[in-house]
Amino acid sequence: MIGLDFIFLLLGLLFAAVAALTVRDRTNPRRFTSALFWALFAVSFLAGKWLGDIANGCIAVTLALIAGFGGLGRGAPDTTGEAMRETEARKIGGWLFLPALMIPAVALLGSLVLKGVMIGGHSLVDLKQVTFVSLAFGVILALAVAVPLLRARPVEPVVEARRLVETIGWAALLPQMLAALGVVFAGAGIGRMVGDLASQYLPLGTPFAAACAYTIGMASFTIVMGNAFAAFPVMTAGIGLPLLVHKFGADPAVVGAIGMLSGFCGTLVTPMAANFNLVPPALLGLPRYAVIRVQAPTAVAMLIVNTALLYLLAFHK
């Protein structure tokens, strides 16, 4: 059965190759610590489930220390220049978009088709992870098409991957780290503590006040944690379920849906959501917080609307 282990293997091999290229690049002023960073990240994918919690925790701490003390550097990978890329793009024309379009197409097709594929009475793909596996298949097929289409060397995808992760830097790890932090917070009972503090210090005696606390709390926790999915279990366990659902009888489906949307309002204005707010400016050469400044008014307006919708829809069945 093909599942997450298959994806972890691919990612682990990719980052191991990135580490190998990095340690050989003398143009990188911090090539050894940078290589160690990406090698440890590769180990977490390749052997994380066998290492245990302590070893994985040590890897996470080491990654944070390397990044925190400026251990990541950028080299000058052997890649094509901007002028050559523009020339090649004109030659290829619209076919240049074929590999990029193949990824979502294969992911969608695989999500619909692979669920019914059986071999020896067993499903070919883990039914819980069929979308992720299909996405990985899409990337592999897109690479198989892109390399001959662009007349690239077989190692070129790894070289470009290294250039991309060096451009992004430590922010490439933020989504994974913050999602793990959300699980830790939920397991530690932070949601219950938040609910106790909110009940003690905030006037939450009415449905409207509880709705405001929930939506604003979701946005605020997302700003801190950088991930609405990480904030959701904390705020739902602390305010959503005990106050909105159990005390005031709100519709759980409405609470969950609008609560998550409120969290996304926080995503729009936090640098912790690096994959949305820091990576695009870095890749496009924009000012660092340009995306956040543009998105902030929309985030505030959406949060106000979400709060109103939660109050109007959740308590009036």
Protein backbone atom coordinates (compact mmCIF):
# COMPACT_ATOMS: atom_id res chain seq x y z
CA MET A 1 0.00 0.00 0.00
CA ILE A 2 1.34 3.39 -1.02
CA GLY A 3 0.95 6.03 1.69
CA LEU A 4 2.77 8.82 3.45
CA ASP A 5 5.92 6.71 3.79
CA PHE A 6 6.32 6.95 0.01
CA ILE A 7 6.09 10.75 0.13
CA PHE A 8 8.44 10.97 3.11
CA LEU A 9 10.97 8.84 1.21
CA LEU A 10 10.88 11.15 -1.80
CA LEU A 11 11.24 14.27 0.36
CA GLY A 12 14.02 12.72 2.41
CA LEU A 13 16.00 11.79 -0.70
CA LEU A 14 15.49 15.27 -2.14
CA PHE A 15 16.77 17.09 0.93
CA ALA A 16 19.64 14.62 1.28
CA ALA A 17 20.66 15.53 -2.28
CA VAL A 18 20.31 19.23 -1.42
CA ALA A 19 22.62 18.71 1.56
CA ALA A 20 25.17 16.89 -0.60
CA LEU A 21 25.22 19.68 -3.18
CA THR A 22 25.45 22.32 -0.46
CA VAL A 23 28.46 20.85 1.32
CA ARG A 24 30.37 20.79 -2.01
CA ASP A 25 29.58 24.41 -2.86
CA ARG A 26 32.56 26.55 -1.85
CA THR A 27 30.66 29.72 -2.81
CA ASN A 28 28.39 29.24 0.20
CA PRO A 29 30.05 30.94 3.19
CA ARG A 30 28.20 28.63 5.58
CA ARG A 31 28.19 25.46 3.54
CA PHE A 32 28.86 23.06 6.41
CA THR A 33 26.17 24.32 8.77
CA SER A 34 23.75 24.73 5.84
CA ALA A 35 24.43 21.17 4.72
CA LEU A 36 23.93 19.93 8.28
CA PHE A 37 20.58 21.75 8.43
CA TRP A 38 19.21 20.14 5.28
CA ALA A 39 20.74 16.75 6.14
CA LEU A 40 18.98 16.71 9.51
CA PHE A 41 15.75 17.70 7.79
CA ALA A 42 16.26 14.76 5.42
CA VAL A 43 16.83 12.41 8.34
CA SER A 44 13.53 13.48 9.90
CA PHE A 45 11.74 12.35 6.74
CA LEU A 46 13.74 9.19 6.10
CA ALA A 47 13.94 7.80 9.62
CA GLY A 48 11.74 9.98 11.81
CA LYS A 49 9.24 7.27 12.72
CA TRP A 50 12.02 4.99 13.96
CA LEU A 51 14.03 7.60 15.88
CA GLY A 52 11.50 8.24 18.64
CA ASP A 53 10.25 11.43 20.21
CA ILE A 54 13.48 12.41 21.99
CA ALA A 55 15.66 12.08 18.89
CA ASN A 56 13.16 13.91 16.71
CA GLY A 57 12.92 16.64 19.32
CA CYS A 58 16.70 17.00 19.33
CA ILE A 59 16.66 17.31 15.55
CA ALA A 60 14.02 20.06 15.77
CA VAL A 61 16.01 21.94 18.41
CA THR A 62 19.22 21.63 16.39
CA LEU A 63 17.47 22.97 13.28
CA ALA A 64 16.19 25.93 15.30
CA LEU A 65 19.66 26.63 16.71
CA ILE A 66 21.33 26.52 13.29
CA ALA A 67 18.75 28.89 11.83
CA GLY A 68 18.62 31.12 14.90
CA PHE A 69 22.39 31.66 15.00
CA GLY A 70 22.63 32.47 11.29
CA GLY A 71 23.98 29.12 10.20
CA LEU A 72 22.21 29.13 6.85
CA GLY A 73 23.92 30.64 3.85
CA ARG A 74 23.38 30.88 0.10
CA GLY A 75 25.72 29.67 -2.58
CA ALA A 76 25.88 30.18 -6.31
CA PRO A 77 24.48 26.99 -7.84
CA ASP A 78 25.40 26.13 -11.41
CA THR A 79 22.16 27.14 -13.07
CA THR A 80 20.96 29.11 -16.06
CA GLY A 81 20.80 32.90 -16.04
CA GLU A 82 17.74 35.05 -16.45
CA ALA A 83 18.53 35.95 -20.06
CA MET A 84 18.95 32.32 -21.08
CA ARG A 85 15.70 31.40 -19.35
CA GLU A 86 13.79 34.06 -21.25
CA THR A 87 15.28 32.87 -24.54
CA GLU A 88 14.40 29.24 -23.86
CA ALA A 89 10.91 30.21 -22.70
CA ARG A 90 10.23 31.97 -26.02
CA LYS A 91 11.36 28.88 -27.93
CA ILE A 92 9.14 26.50 -25.96
CA GLY A 93 6.14 28.81 -25.89
CA GLY A 94 2.92 27.66 -24.25
CA TRP A 95 4.26 24.13 -23.74
CA LEU A 96 6.21 25.59 -20.83
CA PHE A 97 3.03 25.43 -18.74
CA LEU A 98 2.42 21.73 -19.41
CA PRO A 99 4.45 20.34 -16.45
CA ALA A 100 2.90 22.88 -14.05
CA LEU A 101 -0.63 22.02 -15.20
CA MET A 102 0.04 18.29 -15.00
CA ILE A 103 0.54 18.42 -11.23
CA PRO A 104 -3.01 19.52 -10.24
CA ALA A 105 -4.54 17.49 -13.10
CA VAL A 106 -2.89 14.24 -11.98
CA ALA A 107 -3.64 15.02 -8.33
CA LEU A 108 -7.34 15.47 -9.11
CA LEU A 109 -7.53 12.43 -11.38
CA GLY A 110 -5.67 10.26 -8.89
CA SER A 111 -7.93 11.38 -6.04
CA LEU A 112 -10.95 10.21 -8.02
CA VAL A 113 -9.54 7.03 -9.58
CA LEU A 114 -7.00 5.52 -7.20
CA LYS A 115 -9.56 4.96 -4.45
CA GLY A 116 -11.01 2.09 -6.45
CA VAL A 117 -7.74 0.41 -7.48
CA MET A 118 -7.29 -2.92 -5.70
CA ILE A 119 -4.39 -5.39 -5.89
CA GLY A 120 -4.76 -8.80 -4.25
CA GLY A 121 -7.78 -7.62 -2.33
CA HIS A 122 -5.94 -4.62 -0.89
CA SER A 123 -6.13 -1.00 -1.90
CA LEU A 124 -3.15 0.20 -3.94
CA VAL A 125 -3.12 3.54 -2.13
CA ASP A 126 -3.85 4.38 1.50
CA LEU A 127 -7.40 5.71 1.28
CA LYS A 128 -6.69 8.30 3.97
CA GLN A 129 -3.76 9.74 1.99
CA VAL A 130 -4.91 9.29 -1.60
CA THR A 131 -4.80 13.03 -2.38
CA PHE A 132 -1.23 13.44 -1.09
CA VAL A 133 -0.07 10.34 -2.96
CA SER A 134 -1.76 11.57 -6.14
CA LEU A 135 -0.02 14.92 -5.74
CA ALA A 136 3.33 13.13 -5.45
CA PHE A 137 2.57 11.14 -8.60
CA GLY A 138 1.72 14.41 -10.34
CA VAL A 139 5.09 15.92 -9.39
CA ILE A 140 6.96 12.82 -10.60
CA LEU A 141 5.15 12.78 -13.94
CA ALA A 142 5.62 16.51 -14.36
CA LEU A 143 9.37 16.10 -13.82
CA ALA A 144 9.45 13.24 -16.33
CA VAL A 145 7.91 15.57 -18.91
CA ALA A 146 9.78 18.74 -17.93
CA VAL A 147 13.34 17.34 -18.16
CA PRO A 148 13.20 16.34 -21.86
CA LEU A 149 10.93 19.27 -22.73
CA LEU A 150 13.44 21.77 -21.34
CA ARG A 151 16.45 19.69 -22.47
CA ALA A 152 17.72 19.81 -18.91
CA ARG A 153 20.28 17.61 -17.23
CA PRO A 154 18.78 14.91 -14.97
CA VAL A 155 20.37 16.61 -11.95
CA GLU A 156 18.84 19.98 -12.84
CA PRO A 157 15.63 19.53 -10.77
CA VAL A 158 17.75 18.94 -7.65
CA VAL A 159 19.96 21.95 -8.42
CA GLU A 160 16.88 24.15 -8.81
CA ALA A 161 15.35 22.67 -5.66
CA ARG A 162 18.48 23.61 -3.78
CA ARG A 163 18.39 27.15 -5.20
CA LEU A 164 14.75 27.48 -4.14
CA VAL A 165 15.18 26.20 -0.56
CA GLU A 166 18.27 28.38 -0.10
CA THR A 167 16.22 31.38 -1.23
CA ILE A 168 13.42 30.51 1.20
CA GLY A 169 15.77 29.40 3.99
CA TRP A 170 14.49 28.31 7.39
CA ALA A 171 10.98 29.55 6.53
CA ALA A 172 10.51 26.40 4.43
CA LEU A 173 10.18 24.44 7.68
CA LEU A 174 7.69 26.73 9.41
CA PRO A 175 4.44 25.02 8.27
CA GLN A 176 5.62 21.63 9.51
CA MET A 177 7.01 22.99 12.77
CA LEU A 178 3.95 25.09 13.56
CA ALA A 179 1.56 22.24 12.80
CA ALA A 180 3.50 20.08 15.25
CA LEU A 181 3.35 22.90 17.79
CA GLY A 182 -0.44 22.95 17.49
CA VAL A 183 -0.61 19.24 18.31
CA VAL A 184 1.66 19.77 21.31
CA PHE A 185 -0.48 22.67 22.56
CA ALA A 186 -3.66 20.64 22.20
CA GLY A 187 -2.12 17.65 23.99
CA ALA A 188 -0.87 19.88 26.80
CA GLY A 189 -4.37 21.22 27.48
CA ILE A 190 -3.63 24.78 26.36
CA GLY A 191 -7.17 25.02 24.97
CA ARG A 192 -8.68 24.34 28.38
CA MET A 193 -6.39 26.93 29.97
CA VAL A 194 -7.37 29.50 27.35
CA GLY A 195 -11.03 28.80 28.03
CA ASP A 196 -10.54 29.19 31.79
CA LEU A 197 -8.69 32.49 31.37
CA ALA A 198 -11.26 33.81 28.91
CA SER A 199 -14.13 32.92 31.22
CA GLN A 200 -12.38 34.49 34.18
CA TYR A 201 -11.30 37.80 32.66
CA LEU A 202 -13.65 38.43 29.72
CA PRO A 203 -17.39 39.24 29.89
CA LEU A 204 -18.60 36.18 27.97
CA GLY A 205 -22.12 36.07 29.34
CA THR A 206 -23.82 36.57 25.98
CA PRO A 207 -23.62 34.64 22.68
CA PHE A 208 -22.31 37.71 20.87
CA ALA A 209 -19.45 38.19 23.32
CA ALA A 210 -18.52 34.50 23.06
CA ALA A 211 -18.64 34.69 19.26
CA CYS A 212 -16.31 37.69 19.28
CA ALA A 213 -13.91 35.95 21.65
CA TYR A 214 -13.84 32.86 19.45
CA THR A 215 -13.27 34.56 16.10
CA ILE A 216 -10.77 37.11 17.41
CA GLY A 217 -9.05 34.38 19.41
CA MET A 218 -8.75 32.20 16.30
CA ALA A 219 -7.20 35.05 14.34
CA SER A 220 -4.87 35.98 17.22
CA PHE A 221 -3.64 32.44 17.83
CA THR A 222 -3.09 31.99 14.11
CA ILE A 223 -0.98 35.15 14.06
CA VAL A 224 1.17 33.69 16.85
CA MET A 225 1.33 30.14 15.50
CA GLY A 226 1.24 30.93 11.78
CA ASN A 227 -1.23 28.17 11.04
CA ALA A 228 -5.02 28.21 11.42
CA PHE A 229 -5.06 24.41 11.61
CA ALA A 230 -2.75 24.58 14.62
CA ALA A 231 -4.86 27.27 16.30
CA PHE A 232 -8.17 25.50 15.65
CA PRO A 233 -7.93 22.68 18.25
CA VAL A 234 -6.71 25.12 20.92
CA MET A 235 -9.46 27.73 20.49
CA THR A 236 -12.23 25.23 19.77
CA ALA A 237 -11.41 23.24 22.90
CA GLY A 238 -11.16 26.42 24.97
CA ILE A 239 -14.05 28.56 23.69
CA GLY A 240 -15.80 26.99 20.71
CA LEU A 241 -17.13 23.83 22.34
CA PRO A 242 -17.58 24.74 26.02
CA LEU A 243 -19.07 28.21 25.48
CA LEU A 244 -20.57 28.48 22.01
CA VAL A 245 -21.81 24.91 21.57
CA HIS A 246 -22.46 23.58 25.08
CA LYS A 247 -23.45 26.75 26.94
CA PHE A 248 -25.27 28.71 24.22
CA GLY A 249 -26.33 25.86 21.92
CA ALA A 250 -24.57 27.01 18.75
CA ASP A 251 -24.48 24.81 15.67
CA PRO A 252 -21.12 22.95 15.76
CA ALA A 253 -20.84 22.88 11.96
CA VAL A 254 -21.22 26.65 11.71
CA VAL A 255 -18.82 27.21 14.60
CA GLY A 256 -16.16 25.01 13.03
CA ALA A 257 -16.45 26.41 9.51
CA ILE A 258 -16.54 30.10 10.44
CA GLY A 259 -13.93 29.59 13.15
CA MET A 260 -11.48 28.23 10.60
CA LEU A 261 -12.22 31.14 8.26
CA SER A 262 -11.51 33.52 11.13
CA GLY A 263 -8.18 31.82 11.63
CA PHE A 264 -7.33 32.43 8.00
CA CYS A 265 -7.79 36.15 8.66
CA GLY A 266 -4.82 35.85 10.99
CA THR A 267 -2.88 33.97 8.32
CA LEU A 268 -3.10 37.01 6.04
CA VAL A 269 -1.25 39.29 8.46
CA THR A 270 1.42 37.14 10.11
CA PRO A 271 5.01 36.58 8.98
CA MET A 272 4.80 33.23 10.75
CA ALA A 273 2.78 32.00 7.77
CA ALA A 274 5.98 32.16 5.79
CA ASN A 275 4.85 30.00 2.89
CA PHE A 276 2.12 32.58 2.13
CA ASN A 277 3.59 35.88 3.26
CA LEU A 278 7.38 35.68 3.15
CA VAL A 279 8.20 33.20 0.38
CA PRO A 280 6.42 35.05 -2.49
CA PRO A 281 8.17 38.38 -1.77
CA ALA A 282 11.51 36.57 -1.50
CA LEU A 283 11.01 34.81 -4.84
CA LEU A 284 9.71 37.93 -6.62
CA GLY A 285 12.17 40.39 -5.14
CA LEU A 286 9.49 42.41 -3.33
CA PRO A 287 9.88 44.21 0.02
CA ARG A 288 9.77 41.66 2.81
CA TYR A 289 6.36 42.52 4.28
CA ALA A 290 4.74 43.82 1.09
CA VAL A 291 2.19 41.00 0.91
CA ILE A 292 1.13 41.46 4.54
CA ARG A 293 0.61 45.22 4.13
CA VAL A 294 -1.65 44.67 1.13
CA GLN A 295 -3.63 41.88 2.79
CA ALA A 296 -4.17 43.55 6.19
CA PRO A 297 -7.30 45.61 5.29
CA THR A 298 -8.94 42.53 3.75
CA ALA A 299 -8.10 40.49 6.86
CA VAL A 300 -9.75 43.01 9.19
CA ALA A 301 -12.87 43.28 7.03
CA MET A 302 -13.16 39.49 6.75
CA LEU A 303 -12.81 39.06 10.52
CA ILE A 304 -15.63 41.52 11.17
CA VAL A 305 -17.85 39.77 8.62
CA ASN A 306 -17.02 36.31 10.02
CA THR A 307 -17.91 37.43 13.53
CA ALA A 308 -21.25 38.77 12.35
CA LEU A 309 -21.97 35.60 10.37
CA LEU A 310 -21.14 33.39 13.34
CA TYR A 311 -23.53 35.30 15.57
CA LEU A 312 -26.32 35.41 12.97
CA LEU A 313 -26.08 31.82 11.75
CA ALA A 314 -24.87 29.68 14.65
CA PHE A 315 -27.61 30.56 17.17
CA HIS A 316 -30.61 30.66 14.86
CA LYS A 317 -31.32 27.14 13.68
